[in-house]
């Protein structure tokens, strides 16, 4: 997989791509990543990549000609090729979730544009197949943190990046549920014991416990996720019982 990140602040990603699973995956050549300085495509001596918005108001807008020159240098075309994706970090975008992370991890090539200021000149969206994506309903000073979040979520799904790929298959949100509580040694700490189901060695019992506890945590913390989760009739009955208990 080829990953390109277009940014006004390339130094932001120095530590991001050296650390943790991203750094290890890059060292193993499991994917290729390039950080591209958008200012390299400006045409004035001040390397100006933004300008004031037409119509007035505060803030600045990333210039269309600078972005156009950058994407053209990368030989992007408005092709609609599902294996060649361009995404823009944007507060106005669709919400990034685990399903989107899985979808993007299947790309051959992924280009992430880090939005900034008020946003980008809207005309760039007409010139290229660009999908606007938001990491949450809040505003940050720039798109670099959002790009880093998406990069981590996507890269960990690539084969070989995680030491144990089963970890990715068991991710929270993959089935629309939060993760079940987890425990490790010691079995007892300050009077608190690990649930007996996890110590039983009975895999069916363990699976059932984890499933129900994942539903319990989702009901408590993110009940809206249950509307899209893949739930069996037994799951639905358990969720209904939990809601009834919480309302009493």
C-alpha atoms as a PDB file:
ATOM      1  CA  UNK A   1       0.000   0.000   0.000  1.00  0.00           C
ATOM      2  CA  UNK A   2       1.240   3.489  -0.877  1.00  0.00           C
ATOM      3  CA  UNK A   3       0.299   6.286   1.564  1.00  0.00           C
ATOM      4  CA  UNK A   4       0.859   9.986   0.901  1.00  0.00           C
ATOM      5  CA  UNK A   5       0.127  12.764   3.394  1.00  0.00           C
ATOM      6  CA  UNK A   6      -0.075  16.324   2.091  1.00  0.00           C
ATOM      7  CA  UNK A   7       0.519  18.896   4.820  1.00  0.00           C
ATOM      8  CA  UNK A   8       1.690  22.414   5.606  1.00  0.00           C
ATOM      9  CA  UNK A   9       3.580  21.028   8.606  1.00  0.00           C
ATOM     10  CA  UNK A  10       5.580  17.955   7.517  1.00  0.00           C
ATOM     11  CA  UNK A  11       7.597  17.971  10.748  1.00  0.00           C
ATOM     12  CA  UNK A  12       4.428  17.000  12.643  1.00  0.00           C
ATOM     13  CA  UNK A  13       4.731  13.451  11.313  1.00  0.00           C
ATOM     14  CA  UNK A  14       8.408  12.892  12.169  1.00  0.00           C
ATOM     15  CA  UNK A  15       7.641  11.074  15.407  1.00  0.00           C
ATOM     16  CA  UNK A  16       4.303   9.641  14.198  1.00  0.00           C
ATOM     17  CA  UNK A  17       5.897   7.509  11.478  1.00  0.00           C
ATOM     18  CA  UNK A  18       8.844   6.442  13.635  1.00  0.00           C
ATOM     19  CA  UNK A  19       6.951   5.188  16.655  1.00  0.00           C
ATOM     20  CA  UNK A  20       4.887   2.142  17.571  1.00  0.00           C
ATOM     21  CA  UNK A  21       3.232  -0.053  14.941  1.00  0.00           C
ATOM     22  CA  UNK A  22       3.479   2.541  12.186  1.00  0.00           C
ATOM     23  CA  UNK A  23       7.249   2.714  12.530  1.00  0.00           C
ATOM     24  CA  UNK A  24       7.611  -1.071  12.703  1.00  0.00           C
ATOM     25  CA  UNK A  25       5.387  -1.582   9.662  1.00  0.00           C
ATOM     26  CA  UNK A  26       7.368   0.974   7.684  1.00  0.00           C
ATOM     27  CA  UNK A  27      10.682  -0.660   8.641  1.00  0.00           C
ATOM     28  CA  UNK A  28       9.349  -4.024   7.453  1.00  0.00           C
ATOM     29  CA  UNK A  29       8.272  -2.400   4.153  1.00  0.00           C
ATOM     30  CA  UNK A  30       4.689  -3.553   4.735  1.00  0.00           C
ATOM     31  CA  UNK A  31       3.584  -0.217   3.308  1.00  0.00           C
ATOM     32  CA  UNK A  32       5.219   2.876   1.841  1.00  0.00           C
ATOM     33  CA  UNK A  33       4.563   6.325   3.279  1.00  0.00           C
ATOM     34  CA  UNK A  34       5.566   9.753   1.977  1.00  0.00           C
ATOM     35  CA  UNK A  35       5.059  13.110   3.709  1.00  0.00           C
ATOM     36  CA  UNK A  36       4.578  15.899   1.169  1.00  0.00           C
ATOM     37  CA  UNK A  37       5.075  19.597   1.983  1.00  0.00           C
ATOM     38  CA  UNK A  38       2.260  21.509   0.291  1.00  0.00           C
ATOM     39  CA  UNK A  39       4.370  24.687   0.267  1.00  0.00           C
ATOM     40  CA  UNK A  40       6.706  23.037  -2.249  1.00  0.00           C
ATOM     41  CA  UNK A  41       3.978  23.666  -4.836  1.00  0.00           C
ATOM     42  CA  UNK A  42       3.557  27.388  -4.237  1.00  0.00           C
ATOM     43  CA  UNK A  43       4.803  29.890  -6.826  1.00  0.00           C
ATOM     44  CA  UNK A  44       5.787  32.982  -4.822  1.00  0.00           C
ATOM     45  CA  UNK A  45       8.893  33.665  -2.748  1.00  0.00           C
ATOM     46  CA  UNK A  46       6.838  33.705   0.458  1.00  0.00           C
ATOM     47  CA  UNK A  47       5.559  30.157  -0.282  1.00  0.00           C
ATOM     48  CA  UNK A  48       1.958  31.267   0.218  1.00  0.00           C
ATOM     49  CA  UNK A  49      -0.472  28.353   0.261  1.00  0.00           C
ATOM     50  CA  UNK A  50      -3.550  30.176   1.590  1.00  0.00           C
ATOM     51  CA  UNK A  51      -5.529  33.376   1.043  1.00  0.00           C
ATOM     52  CA  UNK A  52      -8.502  35.309   2.431  1.00  0.00           C
ATOM     53  CA  UNK A  53     -11.995  33.988   1.589  1.00  0.00           C
ATOM     54  CA  UNK A  54     -14.135  35.712  -1.006  1.00  0.00           C
ATOM     55  CA  UNK A  55     -17.125  37.355   0.647  1.00  0.00           C
ATOM     56  CA  UNK A  56     -15.142  38.446   3.675  1.00  0.00           C
ATOM     57  CA  UNK A  57     -14.967  37.042   7.162  1.00  0.00           C
ATOM     58  CA  UNK A  58     -12.127  35.765   9.304  1.00  0.00           C
ATOM     59  CA  UNK A  59      -9.772  32.891   8.631  1.00  0.00           C
ATOM     60  CA  UNK A  60      -7.869  31.683   5.592  1.00  0.00           C
ATOM     61  CA  UNK A  61      -8.518  29.164   2.788  1.00  0.00           C
ATOM     62  CA  UNK A  62      -6.040  26.754   1.185  1.00  0.00           C
ATOM     63  CA  UNK A  63      -5.526  27.857  -2.437  1.00  0.00           C
ATOM     64  CA  UNK A  64      -6.920  25.715  -5.235  1.00  0.00           C
ATOM     65  CA  UNK A  65      -3.948  26.143  -7.592  1.00  0.00           C
ATOM     66  CA  UNK A  66      -1.471  24.933  -4.958  1.00  0.00           C
ATOM     67  CA  UNK A  67      -3.481  21.812  -4.208  1.00  0.00           C
ATOM     68  CA  UNK A  68      -4.072  21.229  -7.914  1.00  0.00           C
ATOM     69  CA  UNK A  69      -0.339  21.407  -8.667  1.00  0.00           C
ATOM     70  CA  UNK A  70       0.426  19.027  -5.806  1.00  0.00           C
ATOM     71  CA  UNK A  71      -2.143  16.394  -6.806  1.00  0.00           C
ATOM     72  CA  UNK A  72      -1.155  16.641 -10.454  1.00  0.00           C
ATOM     73  CA  UNK A  73       2.486  16.076  -9.528  1.00  0.00           C
ATOM     74  CA  UNK A  74       1.352  12.848  -7.874  1.00  0.00           C
ATOM     75  CA  UNK A  75      -0.386  11.938 -11.138  1.00  0.00           C
ATOM     76  CA  UNK A  76      -3.833  11.783  -9.633  1.00  0.00           C
ATOM     77  CA  UNK A  77      -6.694  11.769 -12.092  1.00  0.00           C
ATOM     78  CA  UNK A  78     -10.475  12.028 -11.653  1.00  0.00           C
ATOM     79  CA  UNK A  79     -10.899   8.335 -12.425  1.00  0.00           C
ATOM     80  CA  UNK A  80     -13.164   6.976  -9.714  1.00  0.00           C
ATOM     81  CA  UNK A  81     -10.738   4.071  -9.215  1.00  0.00           C
ATOM     82  CA  UNK A  82     -11.722   2.514  -5.833  1.00  0.00           C
ATOM     83  CA  UNK A  83      -8.120   1.439  -5.270  1.00  0.00           C
ATOM     84  CA  UNK A  84      -6.813   5.000  -5.595  1.00  0.00           C
ATOM     85  CA  UNK A  85      -8.307   7.145  -2.834  1.00  0.00           C
ATOM     86  CA  UNK A  86      -7.893  10.799  -1.895  1.00  0.00           C
ATOM     87  CA  UNK A  87      -9.339  11.974   1.401  1.00  0.00           C
ATOM     88  CA  UNK A  88      -9.433  15.417   2.979  1.00  0.00           C
ATOM     89  CA  UNK A  89      -9.561  15.925   6.732  1.00  0.00           C
ATOM     90  CA  UNK A  90     -12.527  18.233   7.191  1.00  0.00           C
ATOM     91  CA  UNK A  91     -14.955  19.144   9.960  1.00  0.00           C
ATOM     92  CA  UNK A  92     -17.607  19.080   7.214  1.00  0.00           C
ATOM     93  CA  UNK A  93     -16.823  15.491   6.226  1.00  0.00           C
ATOM     94  CA  UNK A  94     -18.447  12.142   6.890  1.00  0.00           C
ATOM     95  CA  UNK A  95     -17.560  10.611  10.239  1.00  0.00           C
ATOM     96  CA  UNK A  96     -14.538   8.294  10.301  1.00  0.00           C
ATOM     97  CA  UNK A  97     -15.294   4.928  11.905  1.00  0.00           C
ATOM     98  CA  UNK A  98     -13.959   1.379  11.987  1.00  0.00           C
ATOM     99  CA  UNK A  99     -15.863   0.410   8.849  1.00  0.00           C
ATOM    100  CA  UNK A 100     -14.234   3.300   6.968  1.00  0.00           C
ATOM    101  CA  UNK A 101     -10.816   2.294   8.337  1.00  0.00           C
ATOM    102  CA  UNK A 102     -11.308  -1.231   6.974  1.00  0.00           C
ATOM    103  CA  UNK A 103     -12.477   0.125   3.622  1.00  0.00           C
ATOM    104  CA  UNK A 104      -9.478   2.437   3.260  1.00  0.00           C
ATOM    105  CA  UNK A 105      -7.037  -0.276   4.343  1.00  0.00           C
ATOM    106  CA  UNK A 106      -7.975  -2.181   1.178  1.00  0.00           C
ATOM    107  CA  UNK A 107      -6.786   0.656  -1.064  1.00  0.00           C
ATOM    108  CA  UNK A 108      -3.684   0.295  -3.217  1.00  0.00           C
ATOM    109  CA  UNK A 109      -2.941   3.980  -2.771  1.00  0.00           C
ATOM    110  CA  UNK A 110      -4.232   6.446  -0.191  1.00  0.00           C
ATOM    111  CA  UNK A 111      -3.572  10.187  -0.268  1.00  0.00           C
ATOM    112  CA  UNK A 112      -4.560  12.242   2.794  1.00  0.00           C
ATOM    113  CA  UNK A 113      -4.808  16.022   2.508  1.00  0.00           C
ATOM    114  CA  UNK A 114      -4.532  17.757   5.882  1.00  0.00           C
ATOM    115  CA  UNK A 115      -7.120  20.506   5.897  1.00  0.00           C
ATOM    116  CA  UNK A 116      -6.389  23.818   7.590  1.00  0.00           C
ATOM    117  CA  UNK A 117      -7.821  27.200   8.479  1.00  0.00           C
ATOM    118  CA  UNK A 118     -11.393  27.596   7.164  1.00  0.00           C
ATOM    119  CA  UNK A 119     -10.842  24.694   4.777  1.00  0.00           C
ATOM    120  CA  UNK A 120      -9.874  24.299   1.126  1.00  0.00           C
ATOM    121  CA  UNK A 121     -11.105  26.108  -1.959  1.00  0.00           C
ATOM    122  CA  UNK A 122     -14.208  24.114  -2.896  1.00  0.00           C
ATOM    123  CA  UNK A 123     -13.143  23.906  -6.535  1.00  0.00           C
ATOM    124  CA  UNK A 124     -10.502  21.289  -5.710  1.00  0.00           C
ATOM    125  CA  UNK A 125     -13.365  18.903  -4.903  1.00  0.00           C
ATOM    126  CA  UNK A 126     -14.645  19.332  -8.447  1.00  0.00           C
ATOM    127  CA  UNK A 127     -11.248  18.677 -10.000  1.00  0.00           C
ATOM    128  CA  UNK A 128     -10.452  15.421  -8.160  1.00  0.00           C
ATOM    129  CA  UNK A 129     -12.294  12.512  -6.538  1.00  0.00           C
ATOM    130  CA  UNK A 130     -11.820  13.666  -2.949  1.00  0.00           C
ATOM    131  CA  UNK A 131     -13.766  12.371   0.036  1.00  0.00           C
ATOM    132  CA  UNK A 132     -14.099  14.666   3.038  1.00  0.00           C
ATOM    133  CA  UNK A 133     -13.720  12.819   6.344  1.00  0.00           C
ATOM    134  CA  UNK A 134     -14.041  14.045   9.936  1.00  0.00           C
ATOM    135  CA  UNK A 135     -12.717  12.271  13.032  1.00  0.00           C
ATOM    136  CA  UNK A 136     -15.369  13.768  15.288  1.00  0.00           C
ATOM    137  CA  UNK A 137     -17.818  16.543  15.982  1.00  0.00           C
ATOM    138  CA  UNK A 138     -15.272  19.056  17.206  1.00  0.00           C
ATOM    139  CA  UNK A 139     -12.821  21.520  15.639  1.00  0.00           C
ATOM    140  CA  UNK A 140      -9.018  21.266  15.777  1.00  0.00           C
ATOM    141  CA  UNK A 141      -6.365  23.755  14.742  1.00  0.00           C
ATOM    142  CA  UNK A 142      -5.343  21.617  11.780  1.00  0.00           C
ATOM    143  CA  UNK A 143      -5.824  18.333   9.979  1.00  0.00           C
ATOM    144  CA  UNK A 144      -2.542  16.754  11.052  1.00  0.00           C
ATOM    145  CA  UNK A 145      -3.858  15.153  14.287  1.00  0.00           C
ATOM    146  CA  UNK A 146      -6.868  13.813  12.366  1.00  0.00           C
ATOM    147  CA  UNK A 147      -4.594  12.386   9.667  1.00  0.00           C
ATOM    148  CA  UNK A 148      -2.458  10.721  12.347  1.00  0.00           C
ATOM    149  CA  UNK A 149      -5.545   9.130  13.917  1.00  0.00           C
ATOM    150  CA  UNK A 150      -6.733   7.767  10.579  1.00  0.00           C
ATOM    151  CA  UNK A 151      -3.238   6.595   9.646  1.00  0.00           C
ATOM    152  CA  UNK A 152      -2.946   4.564  12.853  1.00  0.00           C
ATOM    153  CA  UNK A 153      -6.420   3.030  12.493  1.00  0.00           C
ATOM    154  CA  UNK A 154      -5.806   2.072   8.845  1.00  0.00           C
ATOM    155  CA  UNK A 155      -2.215   0.836   9.016  1.00  0.00           C
ATOM    156  CA  UNK A 156      -2.853  -1.550  11.916  1.00  0.00           C
ATOM    157  CA  UNK A 157      -5.274  -3.444   9.660  1.00  0.00           C
ATOM    158  CA  UNK A 158      -2.626  -4.212   7.031  1.00  0.00           C
ATOM    159  CA  UNK A 159      -1.417  -7.839   7.102  1.00  0.00           C
ATOM    160  CA  UNK A 160       1.785  -8.233   9.112  1.00  0.00           C
ATOM    161  CA  UNK A 161       1.678  -4.851  10.866  1.00  0.00           C
ATOM    162  CA  UNK A 162       0.294  -6.223  14.121  1.00  0.00           C
ATOM    163  CA  UNK A 163       2.278  -9.023  15.714  1.00  0.00           C
ATOM    164  CA  UNK A 164      -1.005 -10.873  16.227  1.00  0.00           C
ATOM    165  CA  UNK A 165      -3.527 -10.184  13.447  1.00  0.00           C
ATOM    166  CA  UNK A 166      -6.226 -11.725  15.644  1.00  0.00           C
ATOM    167  CA  UNK A 167      -6.013  -8.491  17.663  1.00  0.00           C
ATOM    168  CA  UNK A 168      -7.288  -6.561  14.648  1.00  0.00           C
ATOM    169  CA  UNK A 169     -10.074  -9.073  14.045  1.00  0.00           C
ATOM    170  CA  UNK A 170     -11.242  -8.600  17.643  1.00  0.00           C
ATOM    171  CA  UNK A 171     -11.160  -4.786  17.541  1.00  0.00           C
ATOM    172  CA  UNK A 172     -13.807  -2.747  19.285  1.00  0.00           C
ATOM    173  CA  UNK A 173     -16.390  -1.335  16.831  1.00  0.00           C
ATOM    174  CA  UNK A 174     -15.664  -4.009  14.209  1.00  0.00           C
ATOM    175  CA  UNK A 175     -19.112  -5.526  14.805  1.00  0.00           C
ATOM    176  CA  UNK A 176     -20.649  -2.258  15.928  1.00  0.00           C
ATOM    177  CA  UNK A 177     -19.979  -2.963  19.612  1.00  0.00           C
ATOM    178  CA  UNK A 178     -17.481  -1.635  22.114  1.00  0.00           C
ATOM    179  CA  UNK A 179     -14.836  -4.033  23.370  1.00  0.00           C
ATOM    180  CA  UNK A 180     -15.435  -6.319  26.336  1.00  0.00           C
ATOM    181  CA  UNK A 181     -13.453  -5.699  29.549  1.00  0.00           C
ATOM    182  CA  UNK A 182     -10.023  -7.355  29.561  1.00  0.00           C
ATOM    183  CA  UNK A 183      -7.816  -8.607  32.396  1.00  0.00           C
ATOM    184  CA  UNK A 184      -4.318  -9.977  32.936  1.00  0.00           C
ATOM    185  CA  UNK A 185      -2.248 -11.329  35.833  1.00  0.00           C
ATOM    186  CA  UNK A 186      -2.542 -11.387  38.816  1.00  0.00           C
ATOM    187  CA  UNK A 187      -5.852 -13.225  39.147  1.00  0.00           C
ATOM    188  CA  UNK A 188      -6.643 -11.249  42.312  1.00  0.00           C
ATOM    189  CA  UNK A 189      -5.629  -7.723  43.198  1.00  0.00           C
ATOM    190  CA  UNK A 190      -6.732  -5.867  46.351  1.00  0.00           C
ATOM    191  CA  UNK A 191      -9.744  -8.123  46.689  1.00  0.00           C
ATOM    192  CA  UNK A 192     -10.790  -7.795  43.053  1.00  0.00           C
ATOM    193  CA  UNK A 193     -10.819 -11.054  41.103  1.00  0.00           C
ATOM    194  CA  UNK A 194     -10.765 -11.769  37.394  1.00  0.00           C
ATOM    195  CA  UNK A 195     -14.222 -13.051  36.292  1.00  0.00           C
ATOM    196  CA  UNK A 196     -14.389 -16.813  36.670  1.00  0.00           C
ATOM    197  CA  UNK A 197     -15.606 -17.267  33.078  1.00  0.00           C
ATOM    198  CA  UNK A 198     -12.235 -16.075  31.746  1.00  0.00           C
ATOM    199  CA  UNK A 199     -10.387 -18.572  33.912  1.00  0.00           C
ATOM    200  CA  UNK A 200     -12.612 -21.538  33.078  1.00  0.00           C
ATOM    201  CA  UNK A 201     -10.846 -22.746  29.929  1.00  0.00           C
ATOM    202  CA  UNK A 202     -14.298 -23.208  28.380  1.00  0.00           C
ATOM    203  CA  UNK A 203     -14.045 -21.310  25.085  1.00  0.00           C
ATOM    204  CA  UNK A 204     -17.794 -21.242  24.468  1.00  0.00           C
ATOM    205  CA  UNK A 205     -18.372 -19.814  27.936  1.00  0.00           C
ATOM    206  CA  UNK A 206     -15.590 -17.262  27.419  1.00  0.00           C
ATOM    207  CA  UNK A 207     -16.998 -16.180  24.048  1.00  0.00           C
ATOM    208  CA  UNK A 208     -20.482 -15.816  25.531  1.00  0.00           C
ATOM    209  CA  UNK A 209     -19.133 -13.792  28.475  1.00  0.00           C
ATOM    210  CA  UNK A 210     -17.171 -11.456  26.194  1.00  0.00           C
ATOM    211  CA  UNK A 211     -20.117 -10.980  23.878  1.00  0.00           C
ATOM    212  CA  UNK A 212     -22.485 -10.087  26.697  1.00  0.00           C
ATOM    213  CA  UNK A 213     -19.998  -7.781  28.386  1.00  0.00           C
ATOM    214  CA  UNK A 214     -19.367  -5.994  25.082  1.00  0.00           C
ATOM    215  CA  UNK A 215     -23.116  -5.450  24.773  1.00  0.00           C
ATOM    216  CA  UNK A 216     -23.269  -4.287  28.406  1.00  0.00           C
ATOM    217  CA  UNK A 217     -20.518  -1.698  27.845  1.00  0.00           C
ATOM    218  CA  UNK A 218     -22.147  -0.515  24.624  1.00  0.00           C
ATOM    219  CA  UNK A 219     -25.524  -0.088  26.329  1.00  0.00           C
ATOM    220  CA  UNK A 220     -23.852   1.908  29.104  1.00  0.00           C
ATOM    221  CA  UNK A 221     -21.531   4.105  27.047  1.00  0.00           C
ATOM    222  CA  UNK A 222     -22.651   4.196  23.388  1.00  0.00           C
ATOM    223  CA  UNK A 223     -26.229   2.878  23.127  1.00  0.00           C
ATOM    224  CA  UNK A 224     -26.675   4.488  19.691  1.00  0.00           C
ATOM    225  CA  UNK A 225     -24.212   1.975  18.229  1.00  0.00           C
ATOM    226  CA  UNK A 226     -26.648  -0.879  18.846  1.00  0.00           C
ATOM    227  CA  UNK A 227     -28.880   0.406  16.045  1.00  0.00           C
ATOM    228  CA  UNK A 228     -26.265  -0.653  13.473  1.00  0.00           C
ATOM    229  CA  UNK A 229     -24.703  -3.607  15.285  1.00  0.00           C
ATOM    230  CA  UNK A 230     -25.080  -7.168  14.002  1.00  0.00           C
ATOM    231  CA  UNK A 231     -27.060  -8.678  16.885  1.00  0.00           C
ATOM    232  CA  UNK A 232     -28.676 -12.072  17.260  1.00  0.00           C
ATOM    233  CA  UNK A 233     -32.057 -12.581  18.933  1.00  0.00           C
ATOM    234  CA  UNK A 234     -30.260 -13.601  22.137  1.00  0.00           C
ATOM    235  CA  UNK A 235     -28.151 -10.437  21.942  1.00  0.00           C
ATOM    236  CA  UNK A 236     -31.258  -8.287  21.527  1.00  0.00           C
ATOM    237  CA  UNK A 237     -32.959  -9.927  24.504  1.00  0.00           C
ATOM    238  CA  UNK A 238     -29.853  -9.378  26.645  1.00  0.00           C
ATOM    239  CA  UNK A 239     -29.633  -5.722  25.581  1.00  0.00           C
ATOM    240  CA  UNK A 240     -33.324  -5.192  26.355  1.00  0.00           C
ATOM    241  CA  UNK A 241     -32.830  -6.725  29.810  1.00  0.00           C
ATOM    242  CA  UNK A 242     -29.911  -4.391  30.485  1.00  0.00           C
ATOM    243  CA  UNK A 243     -31.933  -1.345  29.422  1.00  0.00           C
ATOM    244  CA  UNK A 244     -34.778  -2.441  31.700  1.00  0.00           C
ATOM    245  CA  UNK A 245     -32.347  -2.853  34.628  1.00  0.00           C
ATOM    246  CA  UNK A 246     -30.807   0.561  33.969  1.00  0.00           C
ATOM    247  CA  UNK A 247     -34.235   2.239  33.910  1.00  0.00           C
ATOM    248  CA  UNK A 248     -35.257   0.746  37.266  1.00  0.00           C
END
